[in-house]
Protein backbone atom coordinates (compact mmCIF):
# COMPACT_ATOMS: atom_id res chain seq x y z
CA MET A 1 62.07 58.14 167.47
CA LYS A 2 62.09 56.41 170.68
CA GLN A 3 63.38 56.41 173.82
CA GLY A 4 67.21 55.59 173.83
CA ASP A 5 67.82 56.91 170.70
CA LEU A 6 70.97 58.80 170.41
CA VAL A 7 69.85 62.48 168.95
CA VAL A 8 71.11 65.76 167.88
CA ARG A 9 69.55 69.18 168.38
CA LYS A 10 69.50 70.63 164.52
CA SER A 11 68.75 74.36 166.10
CA TYR A 12 71.66 74.01 167.73
CA GLY A 13 74.03 72.57 164.95
CA GLY A 14 74.30 68.97 166.14
CA ASP A 15 76.99 70.19 168.68
CA VAL A 16 76.02 68.18 171.34
CA LEU A 17 75.10 64.39 171.33
CA PHE A 18 72.31 62.97 173.42
CA ARG A 19 70.48 60.37 174.30
CA VAL A 20 66.26 60.63 174.77
CA ALA A 21 65.28 59.81 177.99
CA ALA A 22 61.82 60.77 177.79
CA PHE A 23 58.88 61.79 176.11
CA ALA A 24 56.28 64.29 177.16
CA ALA A 25 53.79 65.70 174.87
CA ASP A 26 55.63 67.20 171.88
CA GLN A 27 59.21 67.36 173.93
CA ALA A 28 61.66 65.41 174.63
CA VAL A 29 63.60 64.59 177.89
CA LEU A 30 67.60 64.47 177.01
CA ARG A 31 70.44 63.52 178.92
CA GLY A 32 73.79 64.68 177.45
CA MET A 33 76.25 61.42 175.91
CA ASP A 34 79.43 63.44 176.74
CA TYR A 35 78.45 65.93 178.90
CA ARG A 36 76.66 66.63 182.11
CA LEU A 37 73.67 68.49 180.21
CA LEU A 38 69.99 67.90 180.85
CA ALA A 39 67.84 69.37 178.60
CA ASP A 40 64.61 69.10 176.45
CA SER A 41 64.01 70.22 173.06
CA PRO A 42 61.20 69.65 170.56
CA ILE A 43 60.79 66.71 168.98
CA GLU A 44 60.73 68.40 165.45
CA ASP A 45 64.44 69.69 166.27
CA LEU A 46 65.60 66.13 166.82
CA GLN A 47 67.48 64.62 164.60
CA THR A 48 68.68 60.36 165.03
CA VAL A 49 72.50 59.93 165.02
CA ARG A 50 73.25 56.45 163.39
CA ASN A 51 77.08 56.78 163.88
CA PRO A 52 78.12 58.59 166.90
CA ASP A 53 81.66 59.10 165.84
CA GLU A 54 81.05 61.26 162.62
CA LEU A 55 80.23 63.90 164.65
CA GLY A 56 83.06 65.80 165.26
CA GLY A 57 82.36 66.98 168.60
CA THR A 58 81.96 63.31 169.39
CA ARG A 59 84.85 62.94 168.55
CA GLN A 60 86.87 65.70 169.84
CA ALA A 61 85.53 65.05 173.32
CA ARG A 62 86.34 61.24 173.60
CA ILE A 63 90.11 62.53 172.54
CA GLN A 64 90.23 64.75 175.09
CA ALA A 65 88.55 62.39 177.66
CA ASN A 66 91.14 59.78 176.40
CA GLU A 67 94.17 62.51 177.31
CA SER A 68 92.68 63.29 180.31
CA LEU A 69 92.86 59.65 181.69
CA ARG A 70 96.35 59.53 180.54
CA ARG A 71 97.43 62.28 182.40
CA MET A 72 95.91 61.17 185.71
CA ASN A 73 97.28 58.02 185.10
CA GLU A 74 100.73 59.85 184.61
CA GLU A 75 100.04 61.75 187.45
CA ARG A 76 99.24 58.83 190.05
CA ASN A 77 102.33 57.36 188.77
CA LYS A 78 104.66 60.02 189.53
CA GLN A 79 102.66 60.01 193.49
CA ALA A 80 103.64 56.44 193.54
CA VAL A 81 107.44 57.47 193.08
CA ARG A 82 107.42 60.78 195.40
CA ALA A 83 105.95 58.81 198.01
CA GLY A 84 109.04 56.84 198.33
CA PHE A 85 111.87 58.01 200.67
CA THR A 86 115.68 57.31 201.34
CA THR A 87 117.13 56.50 204.90
CA ALA A 88 120.07 58.79 206.14
CA LEU A 89 122.60 55.45 206.22
CA ASP A 90 122.04 53.42 202.82
CA ASP A 91 120.04 55.60 200.48
CA ARG A 92 117.74 52.79 199.78
CA ARG A 93 114.22 53.26 199.22
CA GLN A 94 111.87 51.62 201.96
CA PRO A 95 108.62 49.60 201.76
CA PHE A 96 105.84 51.16 201.63
CA PHE A 97 101.77 51.02 201.56
CA GLU A 98 99.47 53.93 200.05
CA MET A 99 96.42 54.67 201.76
CA PRO A 100 94.91 57.46 198.72
CA GLY A 101 91.75 59.18 199.52
CA ARG A 102 88.57 57.35 199.68
CA VAL A 103 86.14 58.29 197.49
CA LEU A 104 82.18 58.47 197.97
CA HIS A 105 80.33 58.98 194.47
CA LEU A 106 76.58 60.06 194.15
CA ASP A 107 76.08 59.90 190.42
CA GLY A 108 72.30 61.13 188.72
CA ASP A 109 73.12 59.19 185.59
CA ALA A 110 74.16 55.19 185.38
CA ASN A 111 76.11 55.68 182.65
CA TYR A 112 78.25 57.65 183.34
CA LEU A 113 78.73 56.71 187.12
CA LYS A 114 79.72 53.18 185.42
CA LYS A 115 82.76 54.77 183.11
CA SER A 116 83.53 56.70 186.21
CA MET A 117 84.23 53.32 188.66
CA GLN A 118 86.39 52.27 185.59
CA VAL A 119 87.98 55.34 186.09
CA TYR A 120 88.84 54.58 189.79
CA GLY A 121 89.42 50.92 189.38
CA GLN A 122 92.04 51.84 186.64
CA LEU A 123 93.71 54.48 188.93
CA ARG A 124 93.56 52.82 191.99
CA VAL A 125 91.27 54.66 194.35
CA PRO A 126 89.30 53.24 196.59
CA ALA A 127 85.77 54.32 195.86
CA GLU A 128 81.98 53.44 196.42
CA GLY A 129 79.85 54.09 193.41
CA VAL A 130 75.72 54.94 194.05
CA HIS A 131 73.54 55.79 191.29
CA CYS A 132 70.12 57.99 192.38
CA HIS A 133 68.09 60.38 190.78
CA GLU A 134 69.69 64.23 192.10
CA SER A 135 66.54 64.98 194.24
CA GLN A 136 67.50 62.08 195.95
CA MET A 137 71.01 62.41 196.51
CA PRO A 138 70.50 64.37 200.02
CA GLN A 139 68.55 61.19 201.71
CA MET A 140 71.00 59.06 200.11
CA LEU A 141 74.14 61.08 201.43
CA LEU A 142 72.54 61.20 205.29
CA ARG A 143 72.34 56.99 205.03
CA MET A 144 75.77 56.55 203.35
CA LEU A 145 78.10 59.22 204.81
CA PRO A 146 78.15 57.40 208.23
CA GLN A 147 78.45 53.67 206.62
CA PHE A 148 81.52 54.70 204.27
CA HIS A 149 82.87 56.84 205.96
CA PRO A 150 85.21 58.48 202.53
CA ASP A 151 87.34 61.47 202.46
CA ILE A 152 86.09 62.48 199.18
CA VAL A 153 82.47 62.64 198.24
CA VAL A 154 81.27 63.36 194.84
CA ILE A 155 77.97 64.94 194.12
CA THR A 156 77.16 65.09 190.17
CA GLY A 157 74.68 63.78 187.69
CA HIS A 158 73.12 65.99 185.22
CA ASP A 159 71.80 69.89 185.11
CA GLY A 160 71.07 73.10 183.24
CA VAL A 161 70.14 76.72 183.00
CA LEU A 162 66.02 76.33 182.66
CA LYS A 163 65.01 77.93 179.49
CA GLN A 164 63.92 82.18 179.76
CA ARG A 165 65.83 82.12 182.92
CA GLU A 166 67.70 85.33 183.09
CA ASP A 167 68.61 85.42 186.59
CA LEU A 168 71.42 83.14 187.07
CA GLN A 169 71.78 84.07 190.77
CA GLN A 170 68.71 81.99 191.29
CA LEU A 171 68.49 78.52 192.45
CA SER A 172 65.18 78.25 191.05
CA SER A 173 66.87 78.55 187.03
CA TYR A 174 68.10 75.53 187.66
CA LYS A 175 67.26 71.77 186.91
CA ASN A 176 69.04 70.45 189.63
CA SER A 177 71.85 72.92 191.49
CA LEU A 178 69.17 73.46 194.34
CA ASN A 179 69.41 69.44 194.67
CA PHE A 180 73.14 69.41 194.94
CA VAL A 181 73.34 72.35 197.49
CA GLN A 182 70.97 70.27 199.89
CA ALA A 183 73.36 67.63 198.93
CA VAL A 184 76.61 69.51 200.33
CA ASN A 185 74.93 70.74 203.06
CA VAL A 186 74.21 67.55 204.23
CA ALA A 187 77.82 66.38 203.52
CA ARG A 188 78.75 69.27 205.79
CA ASP A 189 76.47 68.62 208.77
CA TYR A 190 78.01 65.12 208.75
CA GLU A 191 81.77 67.21 208.48
CA ARG A 192 82.21 71.12 209.02
CA ASN A 193 86.52 70.39 208.28
CA ARG A 194 86.75 71.00 204.54
CA ASP A 195 90.06 69.71 204.75
CA SER A 196 88.61 66.30 206.56
CA LEU A 197 86.16 65.59 203.79
CA VAL A 198 86.81 67.21 200.58
CA VAL A 199 83.60 67.81 198.49
CA VAL A 200 83.14 68.08 194.98
CA ALA A 201 79.77 69.03 193.30
CA GLY A 202 77.67 69.94 190.31
CA ALA A 203 77.19 69.47 186.46
CA CYS A 204 76.80 71.56 183.24
CA GLN A 205 76.10 74.90 183.79
CA SER A 206 75.35 74.52 187.60
CA HIS A 207 75.35 77.49 190.04
CA PHE A 208 78.77 77.87 191.22
CA GLU A 209 79.05 80.03 194.01
CA ALA A 210 75.68 78.62 195.64
CA LEU A 211 77.78 75.22 195.97
CA LEU A 212 80.92 77.12 197.43
CA GLN A 213 78.54 78.55 199.93
CA ALA A 214 77.15 75.62 201.20
CA GLY A 215 80.29 74.15 201.28
CA ALA A 216 81.72 72.58 198.52
CA ASN A 217 85.24 72.72 197.79
CA PHE A 218 85.18 72.54 194.36
CA ALA A 219 82.32 73.04 191.83
CA SER A 220 81.30 73.61 188.40
CA SER A 221 80.52 75.45 187.21
CA PRO A 222 82.26 79.04 187.31
CA GLY A 223 81.04 79.82 183.36
CA ARG A 224 77.66 78.35 183.38
CA ILE A 225 79.05 76.07 180.41
CA MET A 226 78.70 72.40 179.73
CA ILE A 227 81.39 70.25 181.77
CA HIS A 228 82.40 66.55 181.18
CA ALA A 229 81.06 63.48 182.30
CA LEU A 230 84.70 62.55 183.89
CA ASP A 231 85.65 66.28 184.90
CA PRO A 232 84.09 65.33 188.44
CA VAL A 233 86.22 62.26 188.82
CA TYR A 234 89.52 64.14 187.46
CA VAL A 235 89.18 66.51 190.83
CA ALA A 236 88.40 64.01 193.01
CA VAL A 237 91.63 61.43 191.71
CA ARG A 238 93.32 64.33 192.24
CA ALA A 239 92.32 64.74 195.83
CA ALA A 240 92.78 61.14 196.55
CA PHE A 241 96.61 61.63 195.37
CA THR A 242 97.43 64.58 197.07
CA PRO A 243 99.28 64.20 200.11
CA PHE A 244 97.55 65.37 203.48
CA ARG A 245 100.33 67.66 204.31
CA ASP A 246 100.22 69.73 200.78
CA THR A 247 97.45 71.93 199.25
CA ILE A 248 95.66 70.55 195.84
CA ASN A 249 97.25 73.18 193.23
CA ILE A 250 93.67 74.35 192.24
CA THR A 251 95.28 75.63 188.78
CA ASP A 252 96.85 72.65 188.00
CA VAL A 253 93.98 70.62 188.41
CA ILE A 254 91.41 72.82 186.66
CA ALA A 255 93.59 73.01 184.02
CA HIS A 256 93.84 69.66 183.48
CA THR A 257 90.59 69.17 183.18
CA ILE A 258 88.51 69.04 180.05
CA SER A 259 86.12 72.29 180.94
CA GLY A 260 88.80 74.08 182.14
CA ARG A 261 88.29 77.73 184.56
CA GLN A 262 84.88 77.91 183.26
CA GLY A 263 83.85 74.83 184.11
CA VAL A 264 85.14 73.90 187.19
CA GLY A 265 86.87 75.98 190.26
CA GLY A 266 87.49 75.64 194.03
CA ILE A 267 89.06 76.69 197.32
CA GLU A 268 92.45 75.72 198.59
CA THR A 269 92.37 72.41 199.97
CA MET A 270 94.90 70.12 201.61
CA GLY A 271 94.59 66.45 199.93
CA ARG A 272 93.99 63.10 201.37
CA TYR A 273 96.94 61.01 200.50
CA ARG A 274 99.10 58.62 203.05
CA ILE A 275 101.81 56.46 202.70
CA GLY A 276 102.61 53.76 205.67
CA VAL A 277 105.71 51.99 206.33
CA PRO A 278 106.07 48.67 206.27
CA ASN A 279 104.78 47.19 203.09
CA LEU A 280 104.59 43.83 204.55
CA LYS A 281 104.39 42.34 201.33
CA GLU A 282 107.28 43.72 199.76
CA ALA A 283 109.51 43.40 202.81
CA ASN A 284 108.68 39.94 203.05
CA SER A 285 109.55 38.75 199.34
CA GLU A 286 112.75 40.79 199.20
CA GLN A 287 113.73 38.76 202.86
CA ASN A 288 112.39 35.30 201.70
CA VAL A 289 110.09 34.88 204.60
CA ASN A 290 106.69 33.28 204.65
CA ILE A 291 104.23 34.94 207.53
CA VAL A 292 102.12 31.46 208.70
């Protein structure tokens, strides 16, 4: 067995697919392939996986991810239709342009960041992605927030409850929740208004209450469960395409994540989507006008 191998834990019935990130003595550090879970395991408890698609849990997670992406695309298209408006005189749809919320996405996992940026690109959400270790996120935000001026910040990566830690209210019981909390604090020092800067924070089993108290609008994980890699992205996309006059439908957003209400929660928040007129490209095309 070597670094980079795909493995499952025999003692857990092979429920989650991991990639070996590192070795320490007789232990392996593991990063979830479909879920934002950071774990360690005795090497003898690991079984190498040659064909991940043969795992039922992996197949199901990817089916759910594809369905979530389909719903995101469907909602994005509906929003574009809702943005069209009519005049009182001729009832014709006016040419308009869209301004979805801008996303700054910090991720502790390079592979997940790549997948997330692909989703933003497919849905035409303006986004900047940064890969850094969870412990570096507060310092990274200090630099990136004034530079990028986002409407939405995603702070995610890997997390998990440490073994033999029974007090789930203590941040010391988690692998990266403290890092996420500190990053949220930086975001709130930059912008106190939760409607002006929407913060989505956390990963698998993260300290949900601490993240909300620090200033996150949406966070994981109320039930201390695993969340899918794309759940934070789904929440960010919905924030980006909810009109600025409307409250993001929390129940609907959470219901359409893969992990559900045990995985993601949040507070009432206004959307960050705006439209403008005229759309010069469309208007000029209709009128056959060339701008020199």
